[in-house]
Amino acid sequence: MKRLRNPRTGVDQGDIEVFSDFQDGGEMWTGSGPRVRRRAVMFADTFARPPAVHVSVSLWDMDTSAAIRAELVAENITCEGFDIVFRTWADSRAARLRAGWLAIGELPHADDWDVD
């Protein structure tokens, strides 16, 4: 995790394989209709509050014989991590997908205290 000069702002990032279905005939490659794949991501350090998370495709291997229909989103964002979610539908075929992610948010500080 990168810590900015402001000790309360943290930036964490990574790149993760979401799936690789073409090798073993997985459902993203051989199936049809609505399909979803989820990968949990854990941050290097815990944020004080859930951060802003951006996800993007870093590797996209799709069959081009049909329309490419897909969605890539971050869901279930917490202080500790989030889920990368890939969805496709109809006759789209996805061989593999890798996603890059970036989280920016407030970090806990040594001067923080709780009166509870």
N, C-alpha and C. Protein backbone atom coordinates (compact mmCIF):
# COMPACT_ATOMS: atom_id res chain seq x y z
N MET A 1 0.85 -1.17 0.00
CA MET A 1 0.00 0.00 0.00
C MET A 1 0.89 1.23 0.00
N LYS A 2 0.50 2.22 -0.78
CA LYS A 2 1.20 3.50 -0.79
C LYS A 2 0.56 4.41 0.24
N ARG A 3 1.37 5.11 0.98
CA ARG A 3 0.88 6.07 1.96
C ARG A 3 1.28 7.45 1.46
N LEU A 4 0.30 8.32 1.24
CA LEU A 4 0.58 9.66 0.76
C LEU A 4 1.14 10.50 1.91
N ARG A 5 1.65 11.66 1.59
CA ARG A 5 2.22 12.53 2.61
C ARG A 5 1.22 12.80 3.73
N ASN A 6 -0.04 12.88 3.37
CA ASN A 6 -1.09 12.94 4.38
C ASN A 6 -1.17 11.53 4.96
N PRO A 7 -0.87 11.33 6.24
CA PRO A 7 -0.80 9.97 6.78
C PRO A 7 -2.16 9.27 6.89
N ARG A 8 -3.22 9.96 6.55
CA ARG A 8 -4.55 9.36 6.63
C ARG A 8 -5.07 8.87 5.28
N THR A 9 -4.32 9.07 4.20
CA THR A 9 -4.77 8.64 2.88
C THR A 9 -3.93 7.48 2.39
N GLY A 10 -4.59 6.38 2.04
CA GLY A 10 -3.88 5.21 1.54
C GLY A 10 -4.32 4.87 0.14
N VAL A 11 -3.38 4.34 -0.64
CA VAL A 11 -3.65 3.88 -2.00
C VAL A 11 -3.12 2.46 -2.09
N ASP A 12 -3.98 1.52 -2.43
CA ASP A 12 -3.58 0.14 -2.62
C ASP A 12 -3.99 -0.27 -4.04
N GLN A 13 -3.23 -1.16 -4.66
CA GLN A 13 -3.57 -1.57 -6.02
C GLN A 13 -3.07 -2.98 -6.27
N GLY A 14 -3.63 -3.59 -7.30
CA GLY A 14 -3.20 -4.93 -7.65
C GLY A 14 -3.75 -5.36 -8.99
N ASP A 15 -3.42 -6.58 -9.36
CA ASP A 15 -3.85 -7.17 -10.61
C ASP A 15 -4.09 -8.65 -10.31
N ILE A 16 -5.26 -9.16 -10.65
CA ILE A 16 -5.63 -10.51 -10.24
C ILE A 16 -6.33 -11.25 -11.38
N GLU A 17 -6.00 -12.53 -11.53
CA GLU A 17 -6.71 -13.35 -12.51
C GLU A 17 -8.09 -13.67 -11.94
N VAL A 18 -9.13 -13.30 -12.66
CA VAL A 18 -10.50 -13.56 -12.21
C VAL A 18 -10.90 -14.98 -12.59
N PHE A 19 -10.55 -15.40 -13.81
CA PHE A 19 -10.78 -16.79 -14.22
C PHE A 19 -9.97 -17.10 -15.47
N SER A 20 -9.80 -18.39 -15.72
CA SER A 20 -9.18 -18.89 -16.93
C SER A 20 -9.90 -20.20 -17.26
N ASP A 21 -10.95 -20.11 -18.07
CA ASP A 21 -11.84 -21.24 -18.31
C ASP A 21 -11.58 -22.00 -19.60
N PHE A 22 -10.76 -21.50 -20.50
CA PHE A 22 -10.59 -22.17 -21.79
C PHE A 22 -9.78 -23.45 -21.66
N GLN A 23 -8.91 -23.55 -20.64
CA GLN A 23 -8.05 -24.73 -20.50
C GLN A 23 -8.82 -25.98 -20.08
N ASP A 24 -9.81 -25.78 -19.18
CA ASP A 24 -10.52 -26.94 -18.64
C ASP A 24 -12.01 -26.96 -19.00
N GLY A 25 -12.40 -26.17 -19.98
CA GLY A 25 -13.79 -26.18 -20.42
C GLY A 25 -14.76 -25.61 -19.41
N GLY A 26 -14.34 -24.61 -18.67
CA GLY A 26 -15.20 -23.97 -17.67
C GLY A 26 -16.40 -23.27 -18.28
N GLU A 27 -17.37 -22.94 -17.44
CA GLU A 27 -18.65 -22.41 -17.93
C GLU A 27 -18.55 -21.06 -18.62
N MET A 28 -17.58 -20.23 -18.30
CA MET A 28 -17.45 -18.95 -18.99
C MET A 28 -17.09 -19.17 -20.47
N TRP A 29 -16.38 -20.27 -20.75
CA TRP A 29 -15.95 -20.58 -22.11
C TRP A 29 -16.94 -21.47 -22.84
N THR A 30 -17.55 -22.41 -22.15
CA THR A 30 -18.41 -23.38 -22.82
C THR A 30 -19.90 -23.14 -22.60
N GLY A 31 -20.26 -22.33 -21.60
CA GLY A 31 -21.66 -22.14 -21.25
C GLY A 31 -22.34 -21.07 -22.08
N SER A 32 -23.61 -20.86 -21.77
CA SER A 32 -24.39 -19.78 -22.38
C SER A 32 -25.39 -19.30 -21.34
N GLY A 33 -26.02 -18.19 -21.63
CA GLY A 33 -26.94 -17.62 -20.66
C GLY A 33 -26.18 -16.82 -19.59
N PRO A 34 -26.89 -16.41 -18.53
CA PRO A 34 -26.24 -15.61 -17.49
C PRO A 34 -25.19 -16.43 -16.73
N ARG A 35 -24.00 -15.85 -16.60
CA ARG A 35 -22.91 -16.48 -15.86
C ARG A 35 -22.18 -15.41 -15.06
N VAL A 36 -21.67 -15.79 -13.90
CA VAL A 36 -20.97 -14.83 -13.04
C VAL A 36 -19.77 -15.51 -12.40
N ARG A 37 -18.71 -14.73 -12.23
CA ARG A 37 -17.52 -15.21 -11.53
C ARG A 37 -17.08 -14.11 -10.57
N ARG A 38 -16.75 -14.50 -9.34
CA ARG A 38 -16.36 -13.58 -8.28
C ARG A 38 -14.98 -13.95 -7.74
N ARG A 39 -14.17 -12.93 -7.43
CA ARG A 39 -12.88 -13.15 -6.77
C ARG A 39 -12.76 -12.17 -5.62
N ALA A 40 -12.44 -12.69 -4.46
CA ALA A 40 -12.24 -11.84 -3.29
C ALA A 40 -10.84 -11.24 -3.33
N VAL A 41 -10.76 -9.96 -2.95
CA VAL A 41 -9.48 -9.25 -2.87
C VAL A 41 -9.35 -8.70 -1.46
N MET A 42 -8.20 -8.91 -0.84
CA MET A 42 -7.92 -8.37 0.48
C MET A 42 -6.90 -7.24 0.34
N PHE A 43 -7.13 -6.12 1.03
CA PHE A 43 -6.19 -5.01 0.99
C PHE A 43 -4.94 -5.35 1.80
N ALA A 44 -3.83 -4.71 1.49
CA ALA A 44 -2.58 -4.93 2.22
C ALA A 44 -2.69 -4.47 3.67
N ASP A 45 -3.43 -3.40 3.90
CA ASP A 45 -3.71 -2.87 5.24
C ASP A 45 -5.19 -2.55 5.30
N THR A 46 -5.71 -2.42 6.50
CA THR A 46 -7.13 -2.10 6.68
C THR A 46 -7.35 -0.60 6.58
N PHE A 47 -8.36 -0.20 5.82
CA PHE A 47 -8.75 1.21 5.75
C PHE A 47 -9.61 1.54 6.97
N ALA A 48 -9.71 2.83 7.31
CA ALA A 48 -10.56 3.27 8.42
C ALA A 48 -12.04 3.20 8.03
N ARG A 49 -12.35 3.47 6.78
CA ARG A 49 -13.69 3.38 6.22
C ARG A 49 -13.58 2.72 4.84
N PRO A 50 -14.66 2.15 4.34
CA PRO A 50 -14.56 1.53 3.00
C PRO A 50 -14.05 2.55 1.97
N PRO A 51 -13.02 2.18 1.21
CA PRO A 51 -12.43 3.11 0.24
C PRO A 51 -13.21 3.16 -1.08
N ALA A 52 -12.84 4.09 -1.91
CA ALA A 52 -13.32 4.11 -3.30
C ALA A 52 -12.48 3.07 -4.05
N VAL A 53 -13.15 2.21 -4.82
CA VAL A 53 -12.45 1.14 -5.55
C VAL A 53 -12.77 1.25 -7.04
N HIS A 54 -11.73 1.21 -7.85
CA HIS A 54 -11.87 1.22 -9.31
C HIS A 54 -11.33 -0.10 -9.84
N VAL A 55 -12.08 -0.74 -10.73
CA VAL A 55 -11.61 -1.97 -11.38
C VAL A 55 -11.58 -1.76 -12.89
N SER A 56 -10.64 -2.43 -13.55
CA SER A 56 -10.53 -2.34 -15.00
C SER A 56 -9.98 -3.66 -15.53
N VAL A 57 -10.23 -3.90 -16.79
CA VAL A 57 -9.74 -5.12 -17.45
C VAL A 57 -8.27 -4.93 -17.80
N SER A 58 -7.42 -5.87 -17.35
CA SER A 58 -6.01 -5.82 -17.74
C SER A 58 -5.66 -6.95 -18.73
N LEU A 59 -6.49 -7.99 -18.80
CA LEU A 59 -6.36 -9.03 -19.83
C LEU A 59 -7.76 -9.48 -20.19
N TRP A 60 -8.05 -9.47 -21.47
CA TRP A 60 -9.38 -9.79 -21.97
C TRP A 60 -9.21 -10.77 -23.11
N ASP A 61 -9.61 -12.02 -22.92
CA ASP A 61 -9.49 -13.04 -23.96
C ASP A 61 -10.89 -13.57 -24.24
N MET A 62 -11.51 -13.06 -25.30
CA MET A 62 -12.91 -13.36 -25.62
C MET A 62 -13.01 -13.94 -27.02
N ASP A 63 -13.98 -14.81 -27.21
CA ASP A 63 -14.31 -15.34 -28.53
C ASP A 63 -15.05 -14.24 -29.30
N THR A 64 -14.68 -14.02 -30.54
CA THR A 64 -15.31 -12.95 -31.32
C THR A 64 -16.36 -13.45 -32.31
N SER A 65 -16.73 -14.73 -32.22
CA SER A 65 -17.76 -15.23 -33.15
C SER A 65 -19.17 -14.80 -32.73
N ALA A 66 -19.31 -14.30 -31.51
CA ALA A 66 -20.60 -13.78 -31.02
C ALA A 66 -20.34 -12.40 -30.42
N ALA A 67 -21.41 -11.69 -30.13
CA ALA A 67 -21.27 -10.37 -29.50
C ALA A 67 -20.60 -10.53 -28.14
N ILE A 68 -19.75 -9.57 -27.80
CA ILE A 68 -19.08 -9.58 -26.50
C ILE A 68 -19.93 -8.78 -25.53
N ARG A 69 -20.50 -9.49 -24.55
CA ARG A 69 -21.35 -8.86 -23.54
C ARG A 69 -20.72 -9.15 -22.19
N ALA A 70 -20.38 -8.09 -21.44
CA ALA A 70 -19.72 -8.33 -20.16
C ALA A 70 -19.85 -7.12 -19.26
N GLU A 71 -19.74 -7.39 -17.97
CA GLU A 71 -19.74 -6.35 -16.94
C GLU A 71 -18.65 -6.72 -15.94
N LEU A 72 -17.86 -5.74 -15.51
CA LEU A 72 -16.84 -5.93 -14.49
C LEU A 72 -17.04 -4.84 -13.44
N VAL A 73 -17.30 -5.26 -12.19
CA VAL A 73 -17.60 -4.30 -11.12
C VAL A 73 -16.93 -4.72 -9.81
N ALA A 74 -16.84 -3.76 -8.89
CA ALA A 74 -16.42 -4.03 -7.51
C ALA A 74 -17.69 -4.06 -6.66
N GLU A 75 -17.84 -5.12 -5.85
CA GLU A 75 -18.99 -5.24 -4.96
C GLU A 75 -18.51 -5.60 -3.56
N ASN A 76 -19.41 -5.42 -2.59
CA ASN A 76 -19.14 -5.78 -1.20
C ASN A 76 -17.86 -5.14 -0.67
N ILE A 77 -17.70 -3.84 -0.91
CA ILE A 77 -16.50 -3.12 -0.48
C ILE A 77 -16.55 -2.89 1.03
N THR A 78 -15.50 -3.34 1.73
CA THR A 78 -15.36 -3.14 3.17
C THR A 78 -14.00 -2.51 3.44
N CYS A 79 -13.70 -2.29 4.69
CA CYS A 79 -12.40 -1.75 5.08
C CYS A 79 -11.26 -2.75 4.81
N GLU A 80 -11.59 -4.04 4.75
CA GLU A 80 -10.59 -5.09 4.57
C GLU A 80 -10.42 -5.56 3.14
N GLY A 81 -11.43 -5.37 2.29
CA GLY A 81 -11.33 -5.86 0.92
C GLY A 81 -12.63 -5.72 0.16
N PHE A 82 -12.75 -6.42 -0.96
CA PHE A 82 -13.93 -6.33 -1.82
C PHE A 82 -13.97 -7.53 -2.74
N ASP A 83 -15.03 -7.65 -3.52
CA ASP A 83 -15.16 -8.70 -4.54
C ASP A 83 -15.08 -8.08 -5.92
N ILE A 84 -14.27 -8.66 -6.79
CA ILE A 84 -14.31 -8.34 -8.21
C ILE A 84 -15.33 -9.29 -8.83
N VAL A 85 -16.29 -8.73 -9.57
CA VAL A 85 -17.36 -9.54 -10.14
C VAL A 85 -17.40 -9.33 -11.66
N PHE A 86 -17.34 -10.45 -12.40
CA PHE A 86 -17.45 -10.44 -13.85
C PHE A 86 -18.74 -11.15 -14.22
N ARG A 87 -19.53 -10.53 -15.07
CA ARG A 87 -20.78 -11.15 -15.55
C ARG A 87 -20.79 -11.13 -17.08
N THR A 88 -21.35 -12.20 -17.63
CA THR A 88 -21.62 -12.23 -19.07
C THR A 88 -22.94 -12.97 -19.27
N TRP A 89 -23.48 -12.95 -20.47
CA TRP A 89 -24.80 -13.54 -20.73
C TRP A 89 -24.92 -13.89 -22.20
N ALA A 90 -26.04 -14.50 -22.52
CA ALA A 90 -26.36 -14.93 -23.89
C ALA A 90 -25.27 -15.88 -24.40
N ASP A 91 -24.83 -15.69 -25.65
CA ASP A 91 -23.87 -16.62 -26.24
C ASP A 91 -22.43 -16.12 -26.19
N SER A 92 -22.15 -15.07 -25.41
CA SER A 92 -20.78 -14.58 -25.26
C SER A 92 -19.91 -15.65 -24.60
N ARG A 93 -18.67 -15.76 -25.09
CA ARG A 93 -17.74 -16.75 -24.55
C ARG A 93 -16.47 -16.06 -24.09
N ALA A 94 -16.14 -16.22 -22.81
CA ALA A 94 -14.94 -15.60 -22.24
C ALA A 94 -13.94 -16.70 -21.88
N ALA A 95 -12.76 -16.63 -22.48
CA ALA A 95 -11.73 -17.63 -22.21
C ALA A 95 -11.03 -17.34 -20.87
N ARG A 96 -10.65 -16.08 -20.67
CA ARG A 96 -9.99 -15.69 -19.43
C ARG A 96 -10.06 -14.19 -19.24
N LEU A 97 -9.88 -13.80 -17.99
CA LEU A 97 -9.96 -12.38 -17.65
C LEU A 97 -9.06 -12.10 -16.46
N ARG A 98 -8.30 -11.04 -16.57
CA ARG A 98 -7.51 -10.53 -15.46
C ARG A 98 -7.96 -9.09 -15.23
N ALA A 99 -8.04 -8.68 -13.96
CA ALA A 99 -8.53 -7.34 -13.63
C ALA A 99 -7.51 -6.59 -12.79
N GLY A 100 -7.32 -5.33 -13.13
CA GLY A 100 -6.53 -4.43 -12.30
C GLY A 100 -7.48 -3.69 -11.37
N TRP A 101 -7.00 -3.33 -10.18
CA TRP A 101 -7.85 -2.60 -9.23
C TRP A 101 -7.04 -1.55 -8.49
N LEU A 102 -7.73 -0.51 -8.04
CA LEU A 102 -7.13 0.60 -7.31
C LEU A 102 -8.09 1.03 -6.23
N ALA A 103 -7.61 1.10 -5.00
CA ALA A 103 -8.43 1.53 -3.85
C ALA A 103 -7.78 2.75 -3.22
N ILE A 104 -8.60 3.78 -2.98
CA ILE A 104 -8.11 5.01 -2.34
C ILE A 104 -9.06 5.33 -1.20
N GLY A 105 -8.50 5.54 -0.02
CA GLY A 105 -9.36 5.83 1.12
C GLY A 105 -8.61 6.28 2.35
N GLU A 106 -9.37 6.52 3.39
CA GLU A 106 -8.82 6.98 4.66
C GLU A 106 -8.26 5.82 5.46
N LEU A 107 -7.05 6.03 6.00
CA LEU A 107 -6.41 5.03 6.83
C LEU A 107 -6.59 5.36 8.31
N PRO A 108 -6.53 4.35 9.17
CA PRO A 108 -6.54 4.64 10.60
C PRO A 108 -5.25 5.37 10.98
N HIS A 109 -5.29 6.12 12.05
CA HIS A 109 -4.14 6.89 12.50
C HIS A 109 -3.89 6.59 13.97
N ALA A 110 -2.65 6.66 14.41
CA ALA A 110 -2.29 6.38 15.80
C ALA A 110 -3.02 7.30 16.79
N ASP A 111 -3.40 8.50 16.35
CA ASP A 111 -4.09 9.44 17.24
C ASP A 111 -5.58 9.18 17.34
N ASP A 112 -6.12 8.25 16.57
CA ASP A 112 -7.55 7.92 16.64
C ASP A 112 -7.82 7.17 17.95
N TRP A 113 -8.95 7.47 18.56
CA TRP A 113 -9.37 6.71 19.74
C TRP A 113 -10.87 6.64 19.79
N ASP A 114 -11.38 5.63 20.46
CA ASP A 114 -12.79 5.36 20.52
C ASP A 114 -13.24 5.43 21.98
N VAL A 115 -14.33 6.14 22.26
CA VAL A 115 -14.80 6.31 23.63
C VAL A 115 -15.74 5.21 24.07
N ASP A 116 -16.06 4.26 23.20
CA ASP A 116 -16.96 3.16 23.58
C ASP A 116 -16.34 2.24 24.58
